[in-house]
Amino acid sequence: IPCIYFILFEYIYYSALLSNYRPVSNLHFVAKVVESVVVRQMPQYLEEAAYLDPFQSGFRSGYCTETVDHLWRARDRGYSSVLVLLDLSVAFDTIDHSILLQ
């Protein structure tokens, strides 16, 4: 049965912030193997099935510098560009989880 334990960083003393805790997973080794296989195969499947937008560059290998290259080329051609970056790493920390579970 997988369990997750949350441990406070030793050098951080403010325990009221949830972000000061790091999860320590106690998973069965088979679950770890299956997870690693899925993590390796999922990006390849999404690429081959064309589920990802060609301009979506976050969390994709080889795409971060391509976005910058597109911006430089547009600038060289005299075009204006707008770049919108969203950091959703803590977006779900502020959602009421009881509402999500309903």
N, C-alpha and C. Protein backbone atom coordinates (compact mmCIF):
# COMPACT_ATOMS: atom_id res chain seq x y z
N ILE A 1 0.86 -1.18 0.00
CA ILE A 1 0.00 0.00 0.00
C ILE A 1 0.90 1.23 0.00
N PRO A 2 0.75 2.11 -0.99
CA PRO A 2 1.60 3.30 -1.02
C PRO A 2 1.24 4.28 0.09
N CYS A 3 2.26 4.85 0.66
CA CYS A 3 2.09 5.86 1.71
C CYS A 3 2.98 7.04 1.39
N ILE A 4 2.53 8.21 1.78
CA ILE A 4 3.35 9.41 1.61
C ILE A 4 3.47 10.08 2.96
N TYR A 5 4.70 10.34 3.36
CA TYR A 5 4.98 11.03 4.61
C TYR A 5 5.49 12.42 4.28
N PHE A 6 5.03 13.42 5.00
CA PHE A 6 5.50 14.78 4.78
C PHE A 6 6.47 15.14 5.90
N ILE A 7 7.68 15.53 5.51
CA ILE A 7 8.74 15.83 6.46
C ILE A 7 9.13 17.29 6.29
N LEU A 8 9.23 18.00 7.41
CA LEU A 8 9.64 19.40 7.38
C LEU A 8 11.14 19.47 7.14
N PHE A 9 11.57 20.36 6.23
CA PHE A 9 13.00 20.56 6.01
C PHE A 9 13.64 20.97 7.33
N GLU A 10 14.81 20.43 7.61
CA GLU A 10 15.46 20.70 8.89
C GLU A 10 15.87 22.16 9.04
N TYR A 11 16.24 22.80 7.94
CA TYR A 11 16.74 24.16 8.04
C TYR A 11 15.63 25.20 7.97
N ILE A 12 14.38 24.79 7.77
CA ILE A 12 13.25 25.72 7.74
C ILE A 12 12.43 25.47 9.00
N TYR A 13 12.23 26.51 9.77
CA TYR A 13 11.58 26.35 11.05
C TYR A 13 10.13 26.81 11.04
N TYR A 14 9.66 27.39 9.94
CA TYR A 14 8.30 27.89 9.90
C TYR A 14 7.39 26.78 9.38
N SER A 15 6.72 26.08 10.28
CA SER A 15 5.94 24.90 9.90
C SER A 15 4.53 25.23 9.43
N ALA A 16 4.11 26.49 9.45
CA ALA A 16 2.76 26.84 9.03
C ALA A 16 2.61 26.83 7.51
N LEU A 17 3.73 26.93 6.78
CA LEU A 17 3.66 26.94 5.32
C LEU A 17 3.72 25.51 4.79
N LEU A 18 2.72 25.15 4.00
CA LEU A 18 2.69 23.81 3.42
C LEU A 18 3.86 23.59 2.47
N SER A 19 4.33 24.65 1.82
CA SER A 19 5.43 24.50 0.87
C SER A 19 6.75 24.15 1.55
N ASN A 20 6.83 24.24 2.88
CA ASN A 20 8.04 23.88 3.60
C ASN A 20 8.16 22.37 3.82
N TYR A 21 7.15 21.63 3.43
CA TYR A 21 7.16 20.19 3.60
C TYR A 21 7.48 19.52 2.27
N ARG A 22 8.21 18.42 2.35
CA ARG A 22 8.50 17.66 1.14
C ARG A 22 7.95 16.25 1.32
N PRO A 23 7.32 15.70 0.29
CA PRO A 23 6.78 14.35 0.43
C PRO A 23 7.87 13.29 0.31
N VAL A 24 7.78 12.30 1.15
CA VAL A 24 8.66 11.15 1.07
C VAL A 24 7.75 9.96 0.77
N SER A 25 7.97 9.37 -0.36
CA SER A 25 7.08 8.31 -0.81
C SER A 25 7.58 6.96 -0.35
N ASN A 26 6.67 6.15 0.12
CA ASN A 26 6.98 4.78 0.53
C ASN A 26 6.19 3.85 -0.38
N LEU A 27 6.62 3.75 -1.64
CA LEU A 27 5.91 2.95 -2.63
C LEU A 27 6.55 1.58 -2.78
N HIS A 28 5.75 0.65 -3.17
CA HIS A 28 6.24 -0.68 -3.50
C HIS A 28 7.14 -0.56 -4.73
N PHE A 29 8.18 -1.38 -4.82
CA PHE A 29 9.13 -1.24 -5.92
C PHE A 29 8.48 -1.48 -7.28
N VAL A 30 7.44 -2.31 -7.35
CA VAL A 30 6.75 -2.54 -8.62
C VAL A 30 6.07 -1.25 -9.08
N ALA A 31 5.47 -0.53 -8.15
CA ALA A 31 4.83 0.75 -8.49
C ALA A 31 5.86 1.74 -9.00
N LYS A 32 7.05 1.73 -8.41
CA LYS A 32 8.12 2.62 -8.87
C LYS A 32 8.56 2.27 -10.29
N VAL A 33 8.66 0.99 -10.59
CA VAL A 33 9.06 0.56 -11.93
C VAL A 33 7.99 0.94 -12.95
N VAL A 34 6.73 0.69 -12.62
CA VAL A 34 5.64 1.04 -13.53
C VAL A 34 5.60 2.54 -13.76
N GLU A 35 5.78 3.30 -12.69
CA GLU A 35 5.77 4.76 -12.82
C GLU A 35 6.91 5.24 -13.72
N SER A 36 8.09 4.67 -13.58
CA SER A 36 9.21 5.10 -14.41
C SER A 36 8.98 4.74 -15.88
N VAL A 37 8.33 3.61 -16.15
CA VAL A 37 8.01 3.23 -17.53
C VAL A 37 7.00 4.20 -18.12
N VAL A 38 5.98 4.54 -17.35
CA VAL A 38 4.96 5.49 -17.83
C VAL A 38 5.57 6.86 -18.07
N VAL A 39 6.44 7.30 -17.18
CA VAL A 39 7.08 8.61 -17.34
C VAL A 39 7.93 8.65 -18.60
N ARG A 40 8.57 7.55 -18.95
CA ARG A 40 9.37 7.52 -20.18
C ARG A 40 8.52 7.41 -21.44
N GLN A 41 7.42 6.69 -21.37
CA GLN A 41 6.62 6.44 -22.57
C GLN A 41 5.57 7.50 -22.84
N MET A 42 5.09 8.19 -21.82
CA MET A 42 4.01 9.17 -22.01
C MET A 42 4.40 10.31 -22.95
N PRO A 43 5.55 10.96 -22.78
CA PRO A 43 5.89 12.04 -23.73
C PRO A 43 5.99 11.55 -25.17
N GLN A 44 6.55 10.37 -25.37
CA GLN A 44 6.66 9.82 -26.72
C GLN A 44 5.28 9.58 -27.31
N TYR A 45 4.37 9.03 -26.52
CA TYR A 45 3.01 8.79 -27.00
C TYR A 45 2.31 10.10 -27.35
N LEU A 46 2.43 11.10 -26.49
CA LEU A 46 1.79 12.38 -26.75
C LEU A 46 2.34 13.04 -28.01
N GLU A 47 3.63 12.90 -28.24
CA GLU A 47 4.24 13.45 -29.46
C GLU A 47 3.72 12.72 -30.70
N GLU A 48 3.73 11.39 -30.67
CA GLU A 48 3.31 10.61 -31.84
C GLU A 48 1.83 10.77 -32.15
N ALA A 49 1.01 10.93 -31.13
CA ALA A 49 -0.44 11.09 -31.34
C ALA A 49 -0.82 12.53 -31.63
N ALA A 50 0.16 13.43 -31.63
CA ALA A 50 -0.05 14.86 -31.93
C ALA A 50 -1.05 15.51 -30.98
N TYR A 51 -0.97 15.15 -29.69
CA TYR A 51 -1.83 15.77 -28.69
C TYR A 51 -1.27 17.10 -28.19
N LEU A 52 0.02 17.32 -28.39
CA LEU A 52 0.64 18.54 -27.89
C LEU A 52 0.71 19.59 -29.00
N ASP A 53 0.41 20.81 -28.63
CA ASP A 53 0.51 21.92 -29.57
C ASP A 53 1.98 22.12 -29.93
N PRO A 54 2.28 22.39 -31.19
CA PRO A 54 3.69 22.57 -31.57
C PRO A 54 4.35 23.76 -30.89
N PHE A 55 3.57 24.71 -30.40
CA PHE A 55 4.14 25.88 -29.72
C PHE A 55 4.17 25.71 -28.21
N GLN A 56 3.73 24.59 -27.69
CA GLN A 56 3.80 24.34 -26.26
C GLN A 56 5.19 23.82 -25.95
N SER A 57 6.00 24.65 -25.30
CA SER A 57 7.41 24.30 -25.12
C SER A 57 7.76 23.91 -23.69
N GLY A 58 6.88 24.12 -22.74
CA GLY A 58 7.18 23.77 -21.35
C GLY A 58 7.22 22.27 -21.14
N PHE A 59 8.22 21.81 -20.40
CA PHE A 59 8.39 20.41 -20.03
C PHE A 59 8.58 19.51 -21.24
N ARG A 60 9.13 20.06 -22.31
CA ARG A 60 9.43 19.26 -23.50
C ARG A 60 10.89 19.47 -23.87
N SER A 61 11.60 18.38 -24.06
CA SER A 61 13.02 18.51 -24.39
C SER A 61 13.18 19.05 -25.80
N GLY A 62 14.12 19.97 -25.95
CA GLY A 62 14.43 20.54 -27.25
C GLY A 62 13.54 21.67 -27.69
N TYR A 63 12.60 22.11 -26.87
CA TYR A 63 11.67 23.14 -27.28
C TYR A 63 11.92 24.49 -26.63
N CYS A 64 12.63 24.54 -25.52
CA CYS A 64 12.79 25.83 -24.83
C CYS A 64 13.59 26.81 -25.67
N THR A 65 14.65 26.38 -26.30
CA THR A 65 15.44 27.29 -27.13
C THR A 65 14.75 27.57 -28.45
N GLU A 66 13.88 26.67 -28.88
CA GLU A 66 13.15 26.89 -30.13
C GLU A 66 12.20 28.07 -30.00
N THR A 67 11.59 28.23 -28.84
CA THR A 67 10.70 29.37 -28.61
C THR A 67 11.47 30.67 -28.72
N VAL A 68 12.64 30.73 -28.11
CA VAL A 68 13.47 31.93 -28.19
C VAL A 68 13.89 32.19 -29.63
N ASP A 69 14.21 31.14 -30.36
CA ASP A 69 14.59 31.30 -31.76
C ASP A 69 13.44 31.89 -32.58
N HIS A 70 12.22 31.43 -32.33
CA HIS A 70 11.05 31.99 -33.03
C HIS A 70 10.88 33.48 -32.71
N LEU A 71 11.11 33.84 -31.46
CA LEU A 71 10.98 35.26 -31.07
C LEU A 71 12.04 36.11 -31.75
N TRP A 72 13.28 35.62 -31.80
CA TRP A 72 14.35 36.38 -32.46
C TRP A 72 14.08 36.54 -33.95
N ARG A 73 13.62 35.46 -34.59
CA ARG A 73 13.33 35.55 -36.02
C ARG A 73 12.19 36.53 -36.30
N ALA A 74 11.17 36.52 -35.47
CA ALA A 74 10.07 37.47 -35.65
C ALA A 74 10.55 38.90 -35.46
N ARG A 75 11.43 39.12 -34.49
CA ARG A 75 11.98 40.45 -34.26
C ARG A 75 12.81 40.91 -35.45
N ASP A 76 13.62 40.00 -36.00
CA ASP A 76 14.45 40.33 -37.16
C ASP A 76 13.61 40.68 -38.38
N ARG A 77 12.43 40.11 -38.47
CA ARG A 77 11.54 40.39 -39.61
C ARG A 77 10.65 41.61 -39.36
N GLY A 78 10.78 42.23 -38.19
CA GLY A 78 10.01 43.43 -37.89
C GLY A 78 8.66 43.18 -37.25
N TYR A 79 8.39 41.94 -36.84
CA TYR A 79 7.12 41.62 -36.20
C TYR A 79 7.19 41.93 -34.71
N SER A 80 6.03 42.19 -34.14
CA SER A 80 5.92 42.34 -32.69
C SER A 80 5.52 40.99 -32.11
N SER A 81 6.04 40.68 -30.96
CA SER A 81 5.73 39.40 -30.32
C SER A 81 5.29 39.64 -28.89
N VAL A 82 4.40 38.80 -28.44
CA VAL A 82 3.95 38.81 -27.06
C VAL A 82 4.19 37.42 -26.50
N LEU A 83 4.88 37.35 -25.39
CA LEU A 83 5.19 36.07 -24.77
C LEU A 83 4.48 36.03 -23.42
N VAL A 84 3.65 35.04 -23.23
CA VAL A 84 2.92 34.86 -21.98
C VAL A 84 3.44 33.59 -21.32
N LEU A 85 3.96 33.72 -20.12
CA LEU A 85 4.48 32.58 -19.37
C LEU A 85 3.64 32.39 -18.12
N LEU A 86 3.18 31.20 -17.88
CA LEU A 86 2.37 30.90 -16.70
C LEU A 86 3.10 29.90 -15.83
N ASP A 87 3.23 30.21 -14.56
CA ASP A 87 3.81 29.28 -13.60
C ASP A 87 2.68 28.72 -12.76
N LEU A 88 2.28 27.51 -13.05
CA LEU A 88 1.16 26.88 -12.35
C LEU A 88 1.62 25.89 -11.29
N SER A 89 2.86 26.02 -10.84
CA SER A 89 3.40 25.04 -9.90
C SER A 89 2.66 25.05 -8.56
N VAL A 90 2.15 26.18 -8.13
CA VAL A 90 1.42 26.24 -6.86
C VAL A 90 -0.03 26.67 -7.08
N ALA A 91 -0.53 26.54 -8.29
CA ALA A 91 -1.89 27.00 -8.59
C ALA A 91 -2.94 26.21 -7.83
N PHE A 92 -2.69 24.94 -7.60
CA PHE A 92 -3.70 24.10 -6.97
C PHE A 92 -3.57 24.07 -5.44
N ASP A 93 -2.60 24.79 -4.90
CA ASP A 93 -2.48 24.86 -3.44
C ASP A 93 -3.56 25.74 -2.83
N THR A 94 -4.14 26.64 -3.62
CA THR A 94 -5.13 27.58 -3.09
C THR A 94 -6.56 27.14 -3.34
N ILE A 95 -6.76 26.01 -3.98
CA ILE A 95 -8.10 25.51 -4.28
C ILE A 95 -8.63 24.75 -3.07
N ASP A 96 -9.91 24.95 -2.79
CA ASP A 96 -10.56 24.21 -1.72
C ASP A 96 -10.73 22.76 -2.17
N HIS A 97 -10.00 21.85 -1.55
CA HIS A 97 -9.98 20.46 -1.99
C HIS A 97 -11.32 19.76 -1.77
N SER A 98 -12.11 20.22 -0.81
CA SER A 98 -13.42 19.60 -0.61
C SER A 98 -14.33 19.87 -1.80
N ILE A 99 -14.18 21.03 -2.44
CA ILE A 99 -14.97 21.34 -3.63
C ILE A 99 -14.52 20.43 -4.78
N LEU A 100 -13.22 20.22 -4.91
CA LEU A 100 -12.72 19.34 -5.97
C LEU A 100 -13.21 17.91 -5.80
N LEU A 101 -13.29 17.46 -4.58
CA LEU A 101 -13.70 16.08 -4.33
C LEU A 101 -15.18 15.85 -4.60
N GLN A 102 -15.97 16.93 -4.58
CA GLN A 102 -17.40 16.79 -4.88
C GLN A 102 -17.56 16.66 -6.31
